């Protein structure tokens, strides 16, 4: 059971701009509450301090699980996953031209895209609908 207070949850959500730290899905667009993500999972010694927390959509949070690193698909080298609290999304990812797919531009970005399955058919189809109505990609 998490011991993260409501005050910290609200502060972290505000810092994350109410978006998933990995796929940038906006809570208000998805209609599904974001979860509090432990960047270093508690199962690996992480704690409930604000510095170890960010928001994630349920798909990203469940797929990430206890992962903290993953193989980079081009080289096979194991690299750390993207850390949305410490790193800038734009330094590691870009949107495809049509705004529906996330493209990793660094080894960390490529490993994260693959490990978190950021471009599944379901996600891409949902993003396409959001693009049509002007809700995506987020600024």
C-alpha atoms as a PDB file:
ATOM      1  CA  UNK A   1       0.000   0.000   0.000  1.00  0.00           C
ATOM      2  CA  UNK A   2       1.319   3.403  -0.959  1.00  0.00           C
ATOM      3  CA  UNK A   3       1.890   5.962   1.745  1.00  0.00           C
ATOM      4  CA  UNK A   4       1.926   8.908  -0.648  1.00  0.00           C
ATOM      5  CA  UNK A   5      -0.137  11.720   0.832  1.00  0.00           C
ATOM      6  CA  UNK A   6      -2.866  13.458  -1.143  1.00  0.00           C
ATOM      7  CA  UNK A   7      -0.898  16.716  -0.915  1.00  0.00           C
ATOM      8  CA  UNK A   8       2.166  15.128  -2.569  1.00  0.00           C
ATOM      9  CA  UNK A   9      -0.013  13.384  -5.184  1.00  0.00           C
ATOM     10  CA  UNK A  10      -1.577  16.711  -6.154  1.00  0.00           C
ATOM     11  CA  UNK A  11       1.785  18.496  -6.216  1.00  0.00           C
ATOM     12  CA  UNK A  12       3.370  15.793  -8.414  1.00  0.00           C
ATOM     13  CA  UNK A  13       0.381  15.827 -10.793  1.00  0.00           C
ATOM     14  CA  UNK A  14       0.654  19.605 -11.098  1.00  0.00           C
ATOM     15  CA  UNK A  15       4.422  19.399 -11.738  1.00  0.00           C
ATOM     16  CA  UNK A  16       3.753  16.814 -14.465  1.00  0.00           C
ATOM     17  CA  UNK A  17       1.104  19.103 -15.978  1.00  0.00           C
ATOM     18  CA  UNK A  18      -1.466  16.322 -15.543  1.00  0.00           C
ATOM     19  CA  UNK A  19       0.217  14.229 -18.228  1.00  0.00           C
ATOM     20  CA  UNK A  20       1.889  10.841 -18.339  1.00  0.00           C
ATOM     21  CA  UNK A  21       5.635  11.312 -18.007  1.00  0.00           C
ATOM     22  CA  UNK A  22       6.336   8.763 -20.743  1.00  0.00           C
ATOM     23  CA  UNK A  23       3.685   9.018 -23.483  1.00  0.00           C
ATOM     24  CA  UNK A  24       2.424  12.509 -22.528  1.00  0.00           C
ATOM     25  CA  UNK A  25      -1.195  11.343 -22.518  1.00  0.00           C
ATOM     26  CA  UNK A  26      -3.221  14.091 -20.911  1.00  0.00           C
ATOM     27  CA  UNK A  27      -5.506  13.014 -18.091  1.00  0.00           C
ATOM     28  CA  UNK A  28      -8.368  15.192 -19.364  1.00  0.00           C
ATOM     29  CA  UNK A  29      -8.081  13.749 -22.880  1.00  0.00           C
ATOM     30  CA  UNK A  30      -7.993  10.107 -21.840  1.00  0.00           C
ATOM     31  CA  UNK A  31     -10.691  10.506 -19.214  1.00  0.00           C
ATOM     32  CA  UNK A  32      -8.800   8.072 -16.982  1.00  0.00           C
ATOM     33  CA  UNK A  33      -7.046   9.259 -13.822  1.00  0.00           C
ATOM     34  CA  UNK A  34      -3.266   9.145 -13.939  1.00  0.00           C
ATOM     35  CA  UNK A  35      -1.394   6.952 -11.483  1.00  0.00           C
ATOM     36  CA  UNK A  36       1.508   7.895  -9.251  1.00  0.00           C
ATOM     37  CA  UNK A  37       4.602   6.262 -10.706  1.00  0.00           C
ATOM     38  CA  UNK A  38       7.594   5.302  -8.582  1.00  0.00           C
ATOM     39  CA  UNK A  39      10.573   6.111 -10.815  1.00  0.00           C
ATOM     40  CA  UNK A  40      12.699   3.737  -8.754  1.00  0.00           C
ATOM     41  CA  UNK A  41      10.170   1.027  -7.909  1.00  0.00           C
ATOM     42  CA  UNK A  42       9.630   0.251  -4.264  1.00  0.00           C
ATOM     43  CA  UNK A  43      10.445  -3.383  -5.081  1.00  0.00           C
ATOM     44  CA  UNK A  44      13.934  -2.170  -5.986  1.00  0.00           C
ATOM     45  CA  UNK A  45      14.401   0.043  -2.934  1.00  0.00           C
ATOM     46  CA  UNK A  46      12.543   3.146  -4.127  1.00  0.00           C
ATOM     47  CA  UNK A  47      10.541   5.203  -1.681  1.00  0.00           C
ATOM     48  CA  UNK A  48       7.468   7.416  -1.558  1.00  0.00           C
ATOM     49  CA  UNK A  49       9.344  10.727  -1.502  1.00  0.00           C
ATOM     50  CA  UNK A  50       8.302  13.377  -3.988  1.00  0.00           C
ATOM     51  CA  UNK A  51      11.675  13.155  -5.770  1.00  0.00           C
ATOM     52  CA  UNK A  52      10.905   9.513  -6.688  1.00  0.00           C
ATOM     53  CA  UNK A  53       7.398  10.152  -7.993  1.00  0.00           C
ATOM     54  CA  UNK A  54       5.829  11.277 -11.253  1.00  0.00           C
ATOM     55  CA  UNK A  55       2.546  10.662 -13.019  1.00  0.00           C
ATOM     56  CA  UNK A  56       1.962   7.951 -15.576  1.00  0.00           C
ATOM     57  CA  UNK A  57      -1.011   6.660 -17.480  1.00  0.00           C
ATOM     58  CA  UNK A  58      -2.117   3.191 -16.478  1.00  0.00           C
ATOM     59  CA  UNK A  59      -0.721   1.610 -19.643  1.00  0.00           C
ATOM     60  CA  UNK A  60       2.755   3.046 -19.112  1.00  0.00           C
ATOM     61  CA  UNK A  61       2.758   2.358 -15.379  1.00  0.00           C
ATOM     62  CA  UNK A  62       1.648  -1.255 -15.768  1.00  0.00           C
ATOM     63  CA  UNK A  63       4.027  -1.930 -18.658  1.00  0.00           C
ATOM     64  CA  UNK A  64       6.973  -0.360 -16.851  1.00  0.00           C
ATOM     65  CA  UNK A  65       6.320  -2.325 -13.682  1.00  0.00           C
ATOM     66  CA  UNK A  66       9.680  -2.653 -11.907  1.00  0.00           C
ATOM     67  CA  UNK A  67      11.796  -1.888 -14.973  1.00  0.00           C
ATOM     68  CA  UNK A  68      14.492   0.755 -14.592  1.00  0.00           C
ATOM     69  CA  UNK A  69      16.523  -0.091 -17.692  1.00  0.00           C
ATOM     70  CA  UNK A  70      16.094  -1.946 -20.976  1.00  0.00           C
ATOM     71  CA  UNK A  71      18.023  -2.945 -24.105  1.00  0.00           C
ATOM     72  CA  UNK A  72      18.558  -0.242 -26.704  1.00  0.00           C
ATOM     73  CA  UNK A  73      17.085  -1.802 -29.878  1.00  0.00           C
ATOM     74  CA  UNK A  74      19.839  -0.673 -32.260  1.00  0.00           C
ATOM     75  CA  UNK A  75      22.808  -1.878 -30.201  1.00  0.00           C
ATOM     76  CA  UNK A  76      21.376  -4.242 -27.596  1.00  0.00           C
ATOM     77  CA  UNK A  77      23.186  -2.265 -24.889  1.00  0.00           C
ATOM     78  CA  UNK A  78      21.160  -2.042 -21.663  1.00  0.00           C
ATOM     79  CA  UNK A  79      20.465   1.607 -20.839  1.00  0.00           C
ATOM     80  CA  UNK A  80      18.399   3.405 -18.190  1.00  0.00           C
ATOM     81  CA  UNK A  81      14.795   4.149 -19.036  1.00  0.00           C
ATOM     82  CA  UNK A  82      13.729   7.752 -19.467  1.00  0.00           C
ATOM     83  CA  UNK A  83      13.238   9.568 -16.155  1.00  0.00           C
ATOM     84  CA  UNK A  84      10.523  12.219 -16.599  1.00  0.00           C
ATOM     85  CA  UNK A  85      11.459  14.004 -13.373  1.00  0.00           C
ATOM     86  CA  UNK A  86      15.131  14.423 -14.264  1.00  0.00           C
ATOM     87  CA  UNK A  87      15.146  14.482 -18.067  1.00  0.00           C
ATOM     88  CA  UNK A  88      13.386  16.524 -20.737  1.00  0.00           C
ATOM     89  CA  UNK A  89      11.002  14.572 -22.974  1.00  0.00           C
ATOM     90  CA  UNK A  90      12.035  16.627 -26.032  1.00  0.00           C
ATOM     91  CA  UNK A  91      15.684  15.618 -25.532  1.00  0.00           C
ATOM     92  CA  UNK A  92      14.820  11.938 -26.061  1.00  0.00           C
ATOM     93  CA  UNK A  93      11.641  11.787 -28.156  1.00  0.00           C
ATOM     94  CA  UNK A  94       9.759  13.442 -30.997  1.00  0.00           C
ATOM     95  CA  UNK A  95       6.298  12.889 -32.417  1.00  0.00           C
ATOM     96  CA  UNK A  96       5.920  11.320 -35.851  1.00  0.00           C
ATOM     97  CA  UNK A  97       4.848  13.719 -38.579  1.00  0.00           C
ATOM     98  CA  UNK A  98       1.182  12.804 -38.091  1.00  0.00           C
ATOM     99  CA  UNK A  99       1.460  13.079 -34.291  1.00  0.00           C
ATOM    100  CA  UNK A 100       0.454   9.505 -33.518  1.00  0.00           C
ATOM    101  CA  UNK A 101       3.748   7.754 -32.789  1.00  0.00           C
ATOM    102  CA  UNK A 102       6.570   8.472 -30.375  1.00  0.00           C
ATOM    103  CA  UNK A 103      10.033   8.211 -31.913  1.00  0.00           C
ATOM    104  CA  UNK A 104      13.027   7.737 -29.652  1.00  0.00           C
ATOM    105  CA  UNK A 105      15.904   9.963 -30.743  1.00  0.00           C
ATOM    106  CA  UNK A 106      18.476   8.725 -28.211  1.00  0.00           C
ATOM    107  CA  UNK A 107      19.410   5.330 -26.830  1.00  0.00           C
ATOM    108  CA  UNK A 108      17.349   6.113 -23.712  1.00  0.00           C
ATOM    109  CA  UNK A 109      14.402   7.186 -25.865  1.00  0.00           C
ATOM    110  CA  UNK A 110      14.543   4.137 -28.136  1.00  0.00           C
ATOM    111  CA  UNK A 111      14.823   1.735 -25.181  1.00  0.00           C
ATOM    112  CA  UNK A 112      11.902   3.426 -23.434  1.00  0.00           C
ATOM    113  CA  UNK A 113       9.662   3.376 -26.526  1.00  0.00           C
ATOM    114  CA  UNK A 114      10.240  -0.355 -26.906  1.00  0.00           C
ATOM    115  CA  UNK A 115      10.138  -1.333 -23.221  1.00  0.00           C
ATOM    116  CA  UNK A 116       6.951   0.616 -22.479  1.00  0.00           C
ATOM    117  CA  UNK A 117       5.288  -0.324 -25.795  1.00  0.00           C
ATOM    118  CA  UNK A 118       4.527   3.341 -26.459  1.00  0.00           C
ATOM    119  CA  UNK A 119       3.318   2.767 -30.018  1.00  0.00           C
ATOM    120  CA  UNK A 120       0.898  -0.139 -29.766  1.00  0.00           C
ATOM    121  CA  UNK A 121      -1.894  -0.204 -32.317  1.00  0.00           C
ATOM    122  CA  UNK A 122      -4.421   0.770 -29.636  1.00  0.00           C
ATOM    123  CA  UNK A 123      -2.399   3.801 -28.534  1.00  0.00           C
ATOM    124  CA  UNK A 124      -1.751   4.969 -32.096  1.00  0.00           C
ATOM    125  CA  UNK A 125      -5.457   4.676 -32.990  1.00  0.00           C
ATOM    126  CA  UNK A 126      -6.450   6.670 -29.897  1.00  0.00           C
ATOM    127  CA  UNK A 127      -3.879   9.361 -30.688  1.00  0.00           C
ATOM    128  CA  UNK A 128      -5.163   9.585 -34.268  1.00  0.00           C
ATOM    129  CA  UNK A 129      -8.631  10.432 -32.945  1.00  0.00           C
ATOM    130  CA  UNK A 130      -7.171  12.998 -30.555  1.00  0.00           C
ATOM    131  CA  UNK A 131      -5.169  14.560 -33.407  1.00  0.00           C
ATOM    132  CA  UNK A 132      -8.350  14.851 -35.505  1.00  0.00           C
ATOM    133  CA  UNK A 133     -10.056  16.994 -32.876  1.00  0.00           C
ATOM    134  CA  UNK A 134      -6.946  19.034 -32.043  1.00  0.00           C
ATOM    135  CA  UNK A 135      -6.225  17.542 -28.592  1.00  0.00           C
ATOM    136  CA  UNK A 136      -2.920  15.956 -29.513  1.00  0.00           C
ATOM    137  CA  UNK A 137       0.038  16.071 -29.483  1.00  0.00           C
ATOM    138  CA  UNK A 138       0.284  18.077 -26.283  1.00  0.00           C
ATOM    139  CA  UNK A 139       2.364  21.247 -26.321  1.00  0.00           C
END
